[in-house]
Structures are given as C-alpha cells and as structure tokens.
Amino acid sequence: MIRIAVFSLVGLTFSFVVNNHKINYEASLVAITIWSALNISIFLYKTLKATPTR
C-alpha cells in the first residue's frame, strides 16, 4: 500500500516537472495515464492475491 502511494507520488511529481518545464504536455498526460494504470493493476493484483480463492 505504501509502495503504491510512493509510485503514484513519483508519477505525479514527474508529470508536474514535465508540465512546469513545458516539455510536451501530451507526454505528461501519457505519463499520468501509464502511472495510474500501473497503480490500479498492482492494487487489483494485490487485492486479488490477498483474498483466498474458493
């Protein structure tokens, strides 16, 4: 859970840096999308792994 928060924070800071330096706004959007997708997939994987299969 803490690792997911760290990942999302790193992704947000990366996108903010890209936005502040104005290096391709679309690239930051792609980075945000990739980071959120990774975080969601990791969270779902850990949640499914934690629950015992019947």
PDB file of N, CA and C in Angstrom:
ATOM      1  N   MET A   1       0.847  -1.198   0.000  1.00  0.00           N
ATOM      2  CA  MET A   1       0.000   0.000   0.000  1.00  0.00           C
ATOM      3  C   MET A   1       0.890   1.259   0.000  1.00  0.00           C
ATOM      4  N   ILE A   2       1.903   1.265   0.856  1.00  0.00           N
ATOM      5  CA  ILE A   2       2.815   2.412   0.901  1.00  0.00           C
ATOM      6  C   ILE A   2       3.575   2.529  -0.419  1.00  0.00           C
ATOM      7  N   ARG A   3       3.948   1.369  -0.971  1.00  0.00           N
ATOM      8  CA  ARG A   3       4.687   1.370  -2.230  1.00  0.00           C
ATOM      9  C   ARG A   3       3.842   1.976  -3.353  1.00  0.00           C
ATOM     10  N   ILE A   4       2.541   1.651  -3.355  1.00  0.00           N
ATOM     11  CA  ILE A   4       1.644   2.204  -4.373  1.00  0.00           C
ATOM     12  C   ILE A   4       1.565   3.720  -4.232  1.00  0.00           C
ATOM     13  N   ALA A   5       1.479   4.205  -2.995  1.00  0.00           N
ATOM     14  CA  ALA A   5       1.411   5.650  -2.772  1.00  0.00           C
ATOM     15  C   ALA A   5       2.697   6.316  -3.260  1.00  0.00           C
ATOM     16  N   VAL A   6       3.831   5.673  -2.983  1.00  0.00           N
ATOM     17  CA  VAL A   6       5.114   6.238  -3.437  1.00  0.00           C
ATOM     18  C   VAL A   6       5.162   6.287  -4.956  1.00  0.00           C
ATOM     19  N   PHE A   7       4.692   5.202  -5.604  1.00  0.00           N
ATOM     20  CA  PHE A   7       4.692   5.173  -7.067  1.00  0.00           C
ATOM     21  C   PHE A   7       3.833   6.290  -7.635  1.00  0.00           C
ATOM     22  N   SER A   8       2.638   6.454  -7.071  1.00  0.00           N
ATOM     23  CA  SER A   8       1.743   7.495  -7.585  1.00  0.00           C
ATOM     24  C   SER A   8       2.342   8.885  -7.342  1.00  0.00           C
ATOM     25  N   LEU A   9       3.003   9.068  -6.182  1.00  0.00           N
ATOM     26  CA  LEU A   9       3.633  10.358  -5.902  1.00  0.00           C
ATOM     27  C   LEU A   9       4.747  10.634  -6.901  1.00  0.00           C
ATOM     28  N   VAL A  10       5.549   9.616  -7.197  1.00  0.00           N
ATOM     29  CA  VAL A  10       6.637   9.783  -8.169  1.00  0.00           C
ATOM     30  C   VAL A  10       6.067  10.133  -9.537  1.00  0.00           C
ATOM     31  N   GLY A  11       4.977   9.438  -9.917  1.00  0.00           N
ATOM     32  CA  GLY A  11       4.364   9.734 -11.210  1.00  0.00           C
ATOM     33  C   GLY A  11       3.822  11.153 -11.264  1.00  0.00           C
ATOM     34  N   LEU A  12       3.174  11.580 -10.183  1.00  0.00           N
ATOM     35  CA  LEU A  12       2.614  12.940 -10.163  1.00  0.00           C
ATOM     36  C   LEU A  12       3.719  13.984 -10.216  1.00  0.00           C
ATOM     37  N   THR A  13       4.787  13.773  -9.446  1.00  0.00           N
ATOM     38  CA  THR A  13       5.887  14.748  -9.457  1.00  0.00           C
ATOM     39  C   THR A  13       6.537  14.792 -10.831  1.00  0.00           C
ATOM     40  N   PHE A  14       6.684  13.615 -11.460  1.00  0.00           N
ATOM     41  CA  PHE A  14       7.269  13.569 -12.800  1.00  0.00           C
ATOM     42  C   PHE A  14       6.416  14.367 -13.788  1.00  0.00           C
ATOM     43  N   SER A  15       5.109  14.168 -13.720  1.00  0.00           N
ATOM     44  CA  SER A  15       4.213  14.882 -14.639  1.00  0.00           C
ATOM     45  C   SER A  15       4.224  16.384 -14.343  1.00  0.00           C
ATOM     46  N   PHE A  16       4.317  16.742 -13.048  1.00  0.00           N
ATOM     47  CA  PHE A  16       4.359  18.165 -12.705  1.00  0.00           C
ATOM     48  C   PHE A  16       5.645  18.805 -13.237  1.00  0.00           C
ATOM     49  N   VAL A  17       6.758  18.073 -13.121  1.00  0.00           N
ATOM     50  CA  VAL A  17       8.027  18.602 -13.640  1.00  0.00           C
ATOM     51  C   VAL A  17       7.930  18.794 -15.144  1.00  0.00           C
ATOM     52  N   VAL A  18       7.337  17.817 -15.824  1.00  0.00           N
ATOM     53  CA  VAL A  18       7.177  17.925 -17.275  1.00  0.00           C
ATOM     54  C   VAL A  18       6.300  19.133 -17.612  1.00  0.00           C
ATOM     55  N   ASN A  19       5.241  19.338 -16.829  1.00  0.00           N
ATOM     56  CA  ASN A  19       4.346  20.466 -17.087  1.00  0.00           C
ATOM     57  C   ASN A  19       5.046  21.797 -16.817  1.00  0.00           C
ATOM     58  N   ASN A  20       5.804  21.869 -15.727  1.00  0.00           N
ATOM     59  CA  ASN A  20       6.454  23.125 -15.371  1.00  0.00           C
ATOM     60  C   ASN A  20       7.510  23.511 -16.403  1.00  0.00           C
ATOM     61  N   HIS A  21       8.224  22.522 -16.925  1.00  0.00           N
ATOM     62  CA  HIS A  21       9.238  22.824 -17.937  1.00  0.00           C
ATOM     63  C   HIS A  21       8.622  22.913 -19.333  1.00  0.00           C
ATOM     64  N   LYS A  22       7.305  22.607 -19.404  1.00  0.00           N
ATOM     65  CA  LYS A  22       6.569  22.690 -20.673  1.00  0.00           C
ATOM     66  C   LYS A  22       7.212  21.814 -21.743  1.00  0.00           C
ATOM     67  N   ILE A  23       7.576  20.590 -21.347  1.00  0.00           N
ATOM     68  CA  ILE A  23       8.108  19.634 -22.321  1.00  0.00           C
ATOM     69  C   ILE A  23       6.951  18.743 -22.758  1.00  0.00           C
ATOM     70  N   ASN A  24       6.322  19.087 -23.853  1.00  0.00           N
ATOM     71  CA  ASN A  24       5.282  18.242 -24.442  1.00  0.00           C
ATOM     72  C   ASN A  24       4.195  17.890 -23.429  1.00  0.00           C
ATOM     73  N   TYR A  25       3.142  18.673 -23.391  1.00  0.00           N
ATOM     74  CA  TYR A  25       2.030  18.468 -22.450  1.00  0.00           C
ATOM     75  C   TYR A  25       1.402  17.090 -22.630  1.00  0.00           C
ATOM     76  N   GLU A  26       1.364  16.607 -23.869  1.00  0.00           N
ATOM     77  CA  GLU A  26       0.766  15.296 -24.121  1.00  0.00           C
ATOM     78  C   GLU A  26       1.588  14.185 -23.470  1.00  0.00           C
ATOM     79  N   ALA A  27       2.892  14.358 -23.424  1.00  0.00           N
ATOM     80  CA  ALA A  27       3.753  13.349 -22.802  1.00  0.00           C
ATOM     81  C   ALA A  27       3.424  13.205 -21.322  1.00  0.00           C
ATOM     82  N   SER A  28       3.143  14.331 -20.654  1.00  0.00           N
ATOM     83  CA  SER A  28       2.798  14.265 -19.230  1.00  0.00           C
ATOM     84  C   SER A  28       1.453  13.559 -19.051  1.00  0.00           C
ATOM     85  N   LEU A  29       0.510  13.803 -19.963  1.00  0.00           N
ATOM     86  CA  LEU A  29      -0.780  13.114 -19.876  1.00  0.00           C
ATOM     87  C   LEU A  29      -0.585  11.614 -20.041  1.00  0.00           C
ATOM     88  N   VAL A  30       0.267  11.233 -20.982  1.00  0.00           N
ATOM     89  CA  VAL A  30       0.556   9.810 -21.187  1.00  0.00           C
ATOM     90  C   VAL A  30       1.203   9.224 -19.938  1.00  0.00           C
ATOM     91  N   ALA A  31       2.118   9.988 -19.334  1.00  0.00           N
ATOM     92  CA  ALA A  31       2.788   9.508 -18.124  1.00  0.00           C
ATOM     93  C   ALA A  31       1.771   9.311 -16.999  1.00  0.00           C
ATOM     94  N   ILE A  32       0.859  10.266 -16.838  1.00  0.00           N
ATOM     95  CA  ILE A  32      -0.168  10.142 -15.803  1.00  0.00           C
ATOM     96  C   ILE A  32      -1.029   8.906 -16.059  1.00  0.00           C
ATOM     97  N   THR A  33      -1.410   8.699 -17.310  1.00  0.00           N
ATOM     98  CA  THR A  33      -2.252   7.549 -17.641  1.00  0.00           C
ATOM     99  C   THR A  33      -1.523   6.240 -17.358  1.00  0.00           C
ATOM    100  N   ILE A  34      -0.243   6.178 -17.760  1.00  0.00           N
ATOM    101  CA  ILE A  34       0.532   4.950 -17.532  1.00  0.00           C
ATOM    102  C   ILE A  34       0.686   4.696 -16.035  1.00  0.00           C
ATOM    103  N   TRP A  35       1.012   5.742 -15.269  1.00  0.00           N
ATOM    104  CA  TRP A  35       1.208   5.579 -13.827  1.00  0.00           C
ATOM    105  C   TRP A  35      -0.074   5.118 -13.149  1.00  0.00           C
ATOM    106  N   SER A  36      -1.210   5.730 -13.510  1.00  0.00           N
ATOM    107  CA  SER A  36      -2.473   5.350 -12.877  1.00  0.00           C
ATOM    108  C   SER A  36      -2.846   3.923 -13.255  1.00  0.00           C
ATOM    109  N   ALA A  37      -2.611   3.546 -14.509  1.00  0.00           N
ATOM    110  CA  ALA A  37      -2.917   2.174 -14.939  1.00  0.00           C
ATOM    111  C   ALA A  37      -2.049   1.171 -14.175  1.00  0.00           C
ATOM    112  N   LEU A  38      -0.768   1.502 -14.020  1.00  0.00           N
ATOM    113  CA  LEU A  38       0.133   0.608 -13.281  1.00  0.00           C
ATOM    114  C   LEU A  38      -0.312   0.486 -11.824  1.00  0.00           C
ATOM    115  N   ASN A  39      -0.638   1.620 -11.210  1.00  0.00           N
ATOM    116  CA  ASN A  39      -1.067   1.595  -9.808  1.00  0.00           C
ATOM    117  C   ASN A  39      -2.343   0.794  -9.631  1.00  0.00           C
ATOM    118  N   ILE A  40      -3.304   0.977 -10.537  1.00  0.00           N
ATOM    119  CA  ILE A  40      -4.567   0.246 -10.430  1.00  0.00           C
ATOM    120  C   ILE A  40      -4.341  -1.244 -10.613  1.00  0.00           C
ATOM    121  N   SER A  41      -3.503  -1.613 -11.604  1.00  0.00           N
ATOM    122  CA  SER A  41      -3.256  -3.037 -11.851  1.00  0.00           C
ATOM    123  C   SER A  41      -2.533  -3.669 -10.668  1.00  0.00           C
ATOM    124  N   ILE A  42      -1.546  -2.969 -10.096  1.00  0.00           N
ATOM    125  CA  ILE A  42      -0.828  -3.501  -8.929  1.00  0.00           C
ATOM    126  C   ILE A  42      -1.784  -3.646  -7.751  1.00  0.00           C
ATOM    127  N   PHE A  43      -2.642  -2.634  -7.546  1.00  0.00           N
ATOM    128  CA  PHE A  43      -3.589  -2.683  -6.430  1.00  0.00           C
ATOM    129  C   PHE A  43      -4.562  -3.853  -6.602  1.00  0.00           C
ATOM    130  N   LEU A  44      -5.094  -4.017  -7.824  1.00  0.00           N
ATOM    131  CA  LEU A  44      -6.027  -5.116  -8.079  1.00  0.00           C
ATOM    132  C   LEU A  44      -5.331  -6.456  -7.897  1.00  0.00           C
ATOM    133  N   TYR A  45      -4.095  -6.566  -8.393  1.00  0.00           N
ATOM    134  CA  TYR A  45      -3.359  -7.822  -8.271  1.00  0.00           C
ATOM    135  C   TYR A  45      -3.143  -8.186  -6.805  1.00  0.00           C
ATOM    136  N   LYS A  46      -2.739  -7.204  -5.998  1.00  0.00           N
ATOM    137  CA  LYS A  46      -2.507  -7.474  -4.575  1.00  0.00           C
ATOM    138  C   LYS A  46      -3.818  -7.789  -3.863  1.00  0.00           C
ATOM    139  N   THR A  47      -4.892  -7.097  -4.240  1.00  0.00           N
ATOM    140  CA  THR A  47      -6.182  -7.361  -3.608  1.00  0.00           C
ATOM    141  C   THR A  47      -6.670  -8.765  -3.936  1.00  0.00           C
ATOM    142  N   LEU A  48      -6.560  -9.145  -5.210  1.00  0.00           N
ATOM    143  CA  LEU A  48      -6.998 -10.485  -5.611  1.00  0.00           C
ATOM    144  C   LEU A  48      -6.106 -11.554  -4.991  1.00  0.00           C
ATOM    145  N   LYS A  49      -4.810 -11.254  -4.875  1.00  0.00           N
ATOM    146  CA  LYS A  49      -3.875 -12.218  -4.298  1.00  0.00           C
ATOM    147  C   LYS A  49      -4.130 -12.383  -2.797  1.00  0.00           C
ATOM    148  N   ALA A  50      -4.548 -11.292  -2.137  1.00  0.00           N
ATOM    149  CA  ALA A  50      -4.772 -11.341  -0.688  1.00  0.00           C
ATOM    150  C   ALA A  50      -6.020 -12.160  -0.361  1.00  0.00           C
ATOM    151  N   THR A  51      -7.042 -12.048  -1.214  1.00  0.00           N
ATOM    152  CA  THR A  51      -8.281 -12.783  -0.939  1.00  0.00           C
ATOM    153  C   THR A  51      -8.086 -14.251  -1.292  1.00  0.00           C
ATOM    154  N   PRO A  52      -8.475 -15.160  -0.394  1.00  0.00           N
ATOM    155  CA  PRO A  52      -8.311 -16.594  -0.668  1.00  0.00           C
ATOM    156  C   PRO A  52      -9.283 -17.057  -1.745  1.00  0.00           C
ATOM    157  N   THR A  53      -8.781 -17.886  -2.650  1.00  0.00           N
ATOM    158  CA  THR A  53      -9.639 -18.401  -3.721  1.00  0.00           C
ATOM    159  C   THR A  53     -10.507 -19.530  -3.186  1.00  0.00           C
ATOM    160  N   ARG A  54     -11.743 -19.582  -3.649  1.00  0.00           N
ATOM    161  CA  ARG A  54     -12.671 -20.599  -3.146  1.00  0.00           C
ATOM    162  C   ARG A  54     -12.689 -21.801  -4.090  1.00  0.00           C
TER     163      ARG A  54
END
